Amino acid sequence: MANKAKFPTSNFQLQISSRLRWFILGFGIWGLGFILSACSTPPTASANIDPTAFIATRVAEILTQQARDIVTLTAPPTTPEPFATITPFSGSINLPTAGATITPQPAPPPTAMPVTPCADSACITASEHLWLERPIPGDYTNFPERNYAYGSTLQGLREPHHGVEFENPSGTPIIAAGAGTVIVAGNDATTAYGLATNFYGNLVVVQLDQTYGGQPVFNLYAHMKDVTAQVGQRVKTGDWLGTVGQTGVAVGPHLHFEVRVGRNDYFSSRNPELWLKPLYYNAKPYGVLAGRVVDTQGRLVSAYTVVVRPEAVEVDNPRTKYIATYAQETLNGDNALQENFALGDLPVGTYTVSVNTTTIYRQTVTVTSGHVSWVEFVVNLP
């Protein structure tokens, strides 16, 4: 068989071949280095970092990154159900006589709480403590913002919420929701009254005159622009404490309001919706709905949506409400109710309340004027 002709290789071809080999070799080395770099473990934080400062800084970074996403969520209506008259507080606002004093005070020791929840309507009625007036005057937004309710994580975007928010422009008056003694007035730069220092910014804490089950009760007012109360000052309901601001870790100006029972710390909060007097409609107070969602073992189920659908209520064009059961971390139900959801300022009437796991569970509940109505679900989880 005749040999095939071999074409001579030119100097140009030899140069191209040599350069191509070097290019492939260099690219391979670079690619290996890139892969090793990508797979390496980043260095851990130094053990000398102050955890309080680290948490505060990280929370602020996360909120900054997520602020754009948060404001694009479905916004709540600018007004609640239509009100003929809203009179949560009929007295005058008492103006301050002196400025702030920044002197944090120690909290009293905790008191043991009961572990058995209410089992009947008589117990629920007897356990009511709708004592507090609104911490914002009636001619401003004095109802809680619903997207980030007590126990909510705003669909995983925020830390579990230990209070409720009253969204108002910066400078809106903040008034005492109940009579008591100011035990904190200033800021949290050196003492953490929340998740970390510099978390609540300018704040006031009032220990109420009225106790609950033998335990002290505290109201915390946070993210304030100005603090006008003083430590040791005796305040009456309606006394001026300061103004709405955006200090600390806050997205937009608002008042963060908490109820704490037993001691003045972050882990002793309760749902303010079960403490605030309901708003009025046509001279009749609205009602409050509270309840529990538990599994078949009696364990509280967290972060499930409860739908509250009006069927026959005493307002025109009522709206369906949505509330999430409390996140598990660092949150508490009421001492007697031990609920894991609550919704205030509901028009009086009949509602269908439902929760959906693998099955839709429904109950009919009647909300009565100025009282807490109760519902409980036992559900099978997925």
Protein backbone atom coordinates (compact mmCIF):
# COMPACT_ATOMS: atom_id res chain seq x y z
CA MET A 1 0.00 0.00 0.00
CA ALA A 2 1.38 3.36 -0.93
CA ASN A 3 2.35 5.66 1.90
CA LYS A 4 0.24 8.79 2.34
CA ALA A 5 2.07 11.96 1.57
CA LYS A 6 3.29 13.92 4.63
CA PHE A 7 2.98 17.67 4.27
CA PRO A 8 5.86 19.61 5.75
CA THR A 9 5.12 21.67 8.92
CA SER A 10 5.92 25.34 8.57
CA ASN A 11 7.67 27.45 11.21
CA PHE A 12 4.42 29.42 11.62
CA GLN A 13 2.46 26.26 12.45
CA LEU A 14 5.08 25.18 14.98
CA GLN A 15 4.86 28.56 16.71
CA ILE A 16 1.05 28.39 16.93
CA SER A 17 1.14 24.85 18.31
CA SER A 18 3.72 25.79 20.96
CA ARG A 19 1.75 28.89 22.08
CA LEU A 20 -1.48 26.88 22.24
CA ARG A 21 0.12 24.31 24.52
CA TRP A 22 1.43 27.01 26.86
CA PHE A 23 -2.00 28.72 26.88
CA ILE A 24 -3.81 25.49 27.78
CA LEU A 25 -1.27 24.73 30.52
CA GLY A 26 -1.60 28.25 31.99
CA PHE A 27 -5.38 28.20 31.87
CA GLY A 28 -5.45 24.85 33.66
CA ILE A 29 -3.24 26.12 36.49
CA TRP A 30 -5.38 29.26 36.88
CA GLY A 31 -8.58 27.19 36.92
CA LEU A 32 -7.21 24.85 39.59
CA GLY A 33 -6.29 27.83 41.75
CA PHE A 34 -9.78 29.32 41.31
CA ILE A 35 -11.47 26.07 42.36
CA LEU A 36 -9.25 25.69 45.43
CA SER A 37 -9.97 29.30 46.40
CA ALA A 38 -13.72 28.88 45.97
CA CYS A 39 -13.77 25.71 48.06
CA SER A 40 -11.71 27.08 50.92
CA THR A 41 -13.40 27.89 54.24
CA PRO A 42 -13.48 31.61 55.13
CA PRO A 43 -11.71 32.53 58.34
CA THR A 44 -13.86 32.59 61.45
CA ALA A 45 -14.47 35.76 63.46
CA SER A 46 -11.95 36.58 66.14
CA ALA A 47 -12.85 35.40 69.61
CA ASN A 48 -12.13 38.93 70.81
CA ILE A 49 -15.14 40.42 68.98
CA ASP A 50 -17.79 41.73 71.38
CA PRO A 51 -20.87 39.55 70.62
CA THR A 52 -23.28 42.35 71.50
CA ALA A 53 -21.62 44.75 69.06
CA PHE A 54 -21.37 42.03 66.44
CA ILE A 55 -25.09 41.19 66.68
CA ALA A 56 -26.11 44.84 66.51
CA THR A 57 -23.89 45.46 63.49
CA ARG A 58 -25.06 42.35 61.69
CA VAL A 59 -28.74 43.04 62.34
CA ALA A 60 -28.30 46.57 61.01
CA GLU A 61 -26.58 45.25 57.87
CA ILE A 62 -29.35 42.72 57.24
CA LEU A 63 -32.09 45.31 57.72
CA THR A 64 -30.34 47.72 55.36
CA GLN A 65 -30.10 45.03 52.69
CA GLN A 66 -33.71 43.99 53.14
CA ALA A 67 -35.34 47.41 53.54
CA ARG A 68 -36.09 47.63 49.82
CA ASP A 69 -37.75 44.19 49.92
CA ILE A 70 -39.73 45.03 53.04
CA VAL A 71 -41.31 48.16 51.64
CA THR A 72 -42.41 46.29 48.51
CA LEU A 73 -44.53 43.88 50.56
CA THR A 74 -48.25 44.46 50.53
CA ALA A 75 -48.76 47.56 52.60
CA PRO A 76 -51.48 47.64 55.26
CA PRO A 77 -54.43 49.97 54.75
CA THR A 78 -53.78 53.50 55.93
CA THR A 79 -56.83 53.28 58.21
CA PRO A 80 -58.43 50.40 60.12
CA GLU A 81 -62.05 49.37 59.71
CA PRO A 82 -64.09 52.58 59.31
CA PHE A 83 -64.56 54.36 62.62
CA ALA A 84 -67.44 56.63 63.45
CA THR A 85 -65.62 57.64 66.63
CA ILE A 86 -62.25 56.54 67.97
CA THR A 87 -61.83 57.38 71.62
CA PRO A 88 -59.12 55.20 73.15
CA PHE A 89 -58.08 58.02 75.49
CA SER A 90 -60.36 60.87 76.50
CA GLY A 91 -58.09 62.73 78.93
CA SER A 92 -55.66 65.54 78.24
CA ILE A 93 -52.03 65.06 77.28
CA ASN A 94 -49.76 66.20 80.11
CA LEU A 95 -46.68 67.97 78.77
CA PRO A 96 -43.22 67.26 80.26
CA THR A 97 -41.56 69.50 82.79
CA ALA A 98 -37.95 68.28 82.40
CA GLY A 99 -35.54 66.47 80.09
CA ALA A 100 -34.19 62.93 79.94
CA THR A 101 -31.88 61.22 82.40
CA ILE A 102 -29.94 58.18 81.17
CA THR A 103 -29.77 55.93 84.23
CA PRO A 104 -30.72 52.26 83.62
CA GLN A 105 -32.18 50.57 86.69
CA PRO A 106 -31.96 46.87 87.70
CA ALA A 107 -35.07 44.74 87.19
CA PRO A 108 -36.77 42.87 90.04
CA PRO A 109 -36.25 39.09 90.24
CA PRO A 110 -38.58 36.92 88.10
CA THR A 111 -41.60 35.19 89.57
CA ALA A 112 -42.69 31.67 88.63
CA MET A 113 -45.61 31.54 86.19
CA PRO A 114 -48.43 28.98 85.97
CA VAL A 115 -48.04 26.21 83.42
CA THR A 116 -51.69 25.18 82.93
CA PRO A 117 -53.61 27.31 80.40
CA CYS A 118 -57.24 28.33 80.73
CA ALA A 119 -59.65 25.51 79.98
CA ASP A 120 -62.99 27.34 79.79
CA SER A 121 -64.59 30.67 78.91
CA ALA A 122 -64.99 31.70 82.56
CA CYS A 123 -61.22 31.43 83.07
CA ILE A 124 -60.58 33.41 79.88
CA THR A 125 -62.90 36.22 80.95
CA ALA A 126 -61.42 36.31 84.45
CA SER A 127 -57.89 36.53 83.03
CA GLU A 128 -58.56 39.63 80.90
CA HIS A 129 -56.28 42.62 81.52
CA LEU A 130 -57.26 45.19 78.89
CA TRP A 131 -55.86 47.96 81.09
CA LEU A 132 -53.71 50.11 78.85
CA GLU A 133 -54.60 53.18 76.85
CA ARG A 134 -52.95 53.81 73.49
CA PRO A 135 -49.35 55.11 73.67
CA ILE A 136 -50.09 57.42 70.71
CA PRO A 137 -52.83 60.12 70.94
CA GLY A 138 -56.12 59.46 69.15
CA ASP A 139 -55.62 62.00 66.38
CA TYR A 140 -52.56 60.07 65.13
CA THR A 141 -52.18 56.44 64.00
CA ASN A 142 -52.91 54.70 67.28
CA PHE A 143 -53.54 51.13 66.12
CA PRO A 144 -50.76 48.53 65.66
CA GLU A 145 -49.23 47.86 62.25
CA ARG A 146 -50.32 44.39 61.14
CA ASN A 147 -47.53 43.10 58.87
CA TYR A 148 -45.05 42.82 61.75
CA ALA A 149 -47.27 41.82 64.67
CA TYR A 150 -46.13 40.41 68.00
CA GLY A 151 -44.41 37.06 67.47
CA SER A 152 -44.00 37.64 63.73
CA THR A 153 -40.74 37.37 61.77
CA LEU A 154 -42.15 39.25 58.76
CA GLN A 155 -41.99 36.04 56.71
CA GLY A 156 -38.47 35.32 57.90
CA LEU A 157 -37.05 38.77 57.14
CA ARG A 158 -36.75 40.00 60.74
CA GLU A 159 -36.01 38.80 64.25
CA PRO A 160 -39.09 37.56 66.19
CA HIS A 161 -41.03 40.65 67.19
CA HIS A 162 -41.36 41.27 70.93
CA GLY A 163 -43.85 44.13 70.67
CA VAL A 164 -46.11 46.02 68.30
CA GLU A 165 -45.42 49.03 66.11
CA PHE A 166 -47.30 52.30 65.78
CA GLU A 167 -46.19 53.85 62.49
CA ASN A 168 -46.22 57.66 62.63
CA PRO A 169 -44.11 60.55 61.32
CA SER A 170 -41.01 61.51 63.24
CA GLY A 171 -41.91 63.88 66.08
CA THR A 172 -45.36 62.39 66.80
CA PRO A 173 -46.12 62.54 70.57
CA ILE A 174 -45.63 59.41 72.67
CA ILE A 175 -47.71 59.27 75.86
CA ALA A 176 -47.86 56.95 78.86
CA ALA A 177 -50.23 54.03 78.34
CA GLY A 178 -50.62 53.58 82.09
CA ALA A 179 -49.67 55.16 85.40
CA GLY A 180 -46.36 54.21 86.95
CA THR A 181 -42.73 55.12 87.58
CA VAL A 182 -40.07 55.72 84.93
CA ILE A 183 -37.18 53.30 85.55
CA VAL A 184 -35.27 53.82 82.26
CA ALA A 185 -35.01 57.00 80.21
CA GLY A 186 -32.33 57.61 77.61
CA ASN A 187 -30.69 55.13 75.23
CA ASP A 188 -29.35 51.58 75.14
CA ALA A 189 -25.78 52.37 74.09
CA THR A 190 -24.29 50.63 77.14
CA THR A 191 -27.12 48.42 78.45
CA ALA A 192 -29.00 45.98 76.21
CA TYR A 193 -32.74 46.23 76.79
CA GLY A 194 -33.36 44.33 73.54
CA LEU A 195 -31.46 41.87 71.38
CA ALA A 196 -28.23 43.90 71.72
CA THR A 197 -26.99 47.35 72.66
CA ASN A 198 -27.95 50.14 70.23
CA PHE A 199 -30.97 48.01 69.29
CA TYR A 200 -33.86 50.12 70.60
CA GLY A 201 -32.03 53.45 70.45
CA ASN A 202 -33.69 56.11 72.60
CA LEU A 203 -36.19 54.51 74.94
CA VAL A 204 -38.31 54.79 78.07
CA VAL A 205 -39.40 52.00 80.41
CA VAL A 206 -42.25 52.56 82.88
CA GLN A 207 -43.00 50.15 85.72
CA LEU A 208 -46.78 50.25 86.13
CA ASP A 209 -48.47 50.83 89.45
CA GLN A 210 -50.77 47.90 88.71
CA THR A 211 -49.34 44.40 89.02
CA TYR A 212 -50.51 41.18 87.38
CA GLY A 213 -50.75 37.96 89.39
CA GLY A 214 -48.39 39.48 91.93
CA GLN A 215 -45.80 40.26 89.26
CA PRO A 216 -44.60 43.69 88.13
CA VAL A 217 -45.61 44.91 84.67
CA PHE A 218 -43.42 47.13 82.48
CA ASN A 219 -44.10 49.17 79.34
CA LEU A 220 -41.18 49.80 76.96
CA TYR A 221 -41.26 52.63 74.39
CA ALA A 222 -38.45 52.46 71.82
CA HIS A 223 -36.86 54.00 68.69
CA MET A 224 -37.75 57.45 70.05
CA LYS A 225 -36.47 60.68 68.55
CA ASP A 226 -36.58 62.64 71.81
CA VAL A 227 -36.92 61.44 75.40
CA THR A 228 -38.51 63.94 77.78
CA ALA A 229 -39.20 61.67 80.76
CA GLN A 230 -36.79 61.29 83.69
CA VAL A 231 -35.77 58.26 85.72
CA GLY A 232 -37.77 58.25 88.94
CA GLN A 233 -40.54 60.41 87.49
CA ARG A 234 -44.10 59.45 88.40
CA VAL A 235 -46.30 59.49 85.28
CA LYS A 236 -50.05 59.38 84.85
CA THR A 237 -51.86 57.91 81.87
CA GLY A 238 -51.44 60.39 79.03
CA ASP A 239 -48.26 62.04 80.33
CA TRP A 240 -45.81 63.03 77.59
CA LEU A 241 -42.77 60.71 77.39
CA GLY A 242 -41.11 61.86 74.16
CA THR A 243 -41.58 61.66 70.40
CA VAL A 244 -41.57 59.06 67.63
CA GLY A 245 -38.24 58.55 65.88
CA GLN A 246 -36.06 56.01 64.10
CA THR A 247 -33.16 55.45 66.51
CA GLY A 248 -31.59 52.04 67.04
CA VAL A 249 -32.34 49.26 64.56
CA ALA A 250 -35.47 50.63 62.91
CA VAL A 251 -36.89 50.75 59.38
CA GLY A 252 -38.84 53.99 59.13
CA PRO A 253 -40.10 56.17 62.02
CA HIS A 254 -42.38 54.34 64.45
CA LEU A 255 -42.97 53.59 68.12
CA HIS A 256 -42.01 50.07 69.21
CA PHE A 257 -44.18 49.29 72.24
CA GLU A 258 -43.75 46.32 74.59
CA VAL A 259 -45.43 44.83 77.64
CA ARG A 260 -43.09 42.89 79.94
CA VAL A 261 -44.25 40.82 82.91
CA GLY A 262 -42.14 39.69 85.87
CA ARG A 263 -38.98 41.55 84.96
CA ASN A 264 -37.72 44.22 82.61
CA ASP A 265 -35.89 42.16 80.01
CA TYR A 266 -36.17 41.08 76.38
CA PHE A 267 -37.30 37.55 77.26
CA SER A 268 -40.25 38.58 79.47
CA SER A 269 -42.45 40.18 76.79
CA ARG A 270 -46.16 39.55 76.29
CA ASN A 271 -48.48 40.44 73.40
CA PRO A 272 -49.62 44.07 73.84
CA GLU A 273 -52.81 43.27 71.87
CA LEU A 274 -54.04 41.50 75.03
CA TRP A 275 -53.32 44.56 77.21
CA LEU A 276 -54.47 47.54 75.11
CA LYS A 277 -58.08 48.68 75.51
CA PRO A 278 -59.92 48.07 72.20
CA LEU A 279 -60.75 51.05 70.01
CA TYR A 280 -64.36 52.22 69.73
CA TYR A 281 -66.84 52.12 66.85
CA ASN A 282 -70.17 53.91 67.24
CA ALA A 283 -69.57 54.28 70.99
CA LYS A 284 -69.00 50.52 71.34
CA PRO A 285 -65.56 48.99 71.92
CA TYR A 286 -64.20 46.48 69.46
CA GLY A 287 -63.17 43.03 70.70
CA VAL A 288 -60.03 40.88 70.79
CA LEU A 289 -59.46 37.37 69.41
CA ALA A 290 -56.85 35.04 70.86
CA GLY A 291 -56.14 31.36 70.45
CA ARG A 292 -53.81 28.42 70.26
CA VAL A 293 -52.74 26.16 67.41
CA VAL A 294 -51.26 22.92 68.77
CA ASP A 295 -50.33 19.54 67.29
CA THR A 296 -51.86 16.25 68.42
CA GLN A 297 -49.27 16.08 71.24
CA GLY A 298 -50.38 19.45 72.59
CA ARG A 299 -47.26 21.30 71.42
CA LEU A 300 -47.61 24.86 70.16
CA VAL A 301 -47.25 25.15 66.38
CA SER A 302 -45.18 28.14 65.26
CA ALA A 303 -45.30 30.35 62.16
CA TYR A 304 -48.62 29.10 60.75
CA THR A 305 -51.06 31.60 59.25
CA VAL A 306 -54.45 32.00 60.91
CA VAL A 307 -57.17 33.48 58.67
CA VAL A 308 -59.93 35.51 60.36
CA ARG A 309 -62.80 35.98 57.90
CA PRO A 310 -65.81 38.17 58.86
CA GLU A 311 -69.25 36.62 58.36
CA ALA A 312 -71.64 38.99 60.15
CA VAL A 313 -70.04 42.02 61.77
CA GLU A 314 -71.15 45.50 62.76
CA VAL A 315 -69.22 47.53 60.18
CA ASP A 316 -69.53 48.11 56.45
CA ASN A 317 -67.07 46.39 54.09
CA PRO A 318 -65.17 44.38 56.74
CA ARG A 319 -61.84 42.87 55.75
CA THR A 320 -60.32 39.44 56.22
CA LYS A 321 -57.38 39.49 58.66
CA TYR A 322 -54.27 37.32 58.66
CA ILE A 323 -52.07 36.64 61.68
CA ALA A 324 -49.17 34.21 62.17
CA THR A 325 -48.72 32.01 65.22
CA TYR A 326 -45.75 33.11 67.29
CA ALA A 327 -42.23 32.16 66.26
CA GLN A 328 -40.69 29.76 68.77
CA GLU A 329 -37.69 31.77 69.90
CA THR A 330 -37.75 34.05 72.94
CA LEU A 331 -41.52 34.67 72.94
CA ASN A 332 -44.21 34.15 75.56
CA GLY A 333 -47.94 33.66 75.64
CA ASP A 334 -50.09 35.20 78.34
CA ASN A 335 -49.72 33.71 81.83
CA ALA A 336 -53.26 32.34 81.90
CA LEU A 337 -54.16 31.97 78.21
CA GLN A 338 -50.81 30.70 76.92
CA GLU A 339 -51.97 31.66 73.42
CA ASN A 340 -49.79 31.66 70.31
CA PHE A 341 -51.76 34.23 68.35
CA ALA A 342 -53.87 37.28 69.19
CA LEU A 343 -55.57 39.99 67.15
CA GLY A 344 -56.99 43.19 68.63
CA ASP A 345 -59.43 45.83 67.41
CA LEU A 346 -61.84 43.42 65.71
CA PRO A 347 -65.37 44.65 64.98
CA VAL A 348 -68.01 42.90 67.04
CA GLY A 349 -69.67 39.98 65.24
CA THR A 350 -69.21 36.46 63.88
CA TYR A 351 -66.06 35.20 62.16
CA THR A 352 -64.82 32.05 60.51
CA VAL A 353 -61.32 31.33 61.81
CA SER A 354 -59.19 28.81 59.91
CA VAL A 355 -55.70 27.38 59.75
CA ASN A 356 -54.32 25.21 56.94
CA THR A 357 -51.77 22.41 57.45
CA THR A 358 -52.40 19.32 55.34
CA THR A 359 -56.08 19.95 56.06
CA ILE A 360 -58.08 23.16 56.42
CA TYR A 361 -59.40 23.49 59.98
CA ARG A 362 -62.27 25.93 60.58
CA GLN A 363 -64.24 27.21 63.54
CA THR A 364 -66.89 29.89 64.00
CA VAL A 365 -66.16 32.47 66.70
CA THR A 366 -68.20 35.39 68.04
CA VAL A 367 -66.22 38.48 68.99
CA THR A 368 -67.92 40.47 71.73
CA SER A 369 -67.62 44.11 72.75
CA GLY A 370 -64.60 44.90 74.93
CA HIS A 371 -63.67 41.27 75.66
CA VAL A 372 -61.29 38.50 74.59
CA SER A 373 -62.80 35.69 72.50
CA TRP A 374 -60.99 32.36 72.33
CA VAL A 375 -60.42 29.60 69.76
CA GLU A 376 -58.17 26.54 69.81
CA PHE A 377 -57.10 24.20 67.00
CA VAL A 378 -55.57 20.75 67.29
CA VAL A 379 -53.97 19.99 63.93
CA ASN A 380 -52.07 17.25 62.13
CA LEU A 381 -48.80 18.60 60.78
CA PRO A 382 -47.38 17.61 57.37
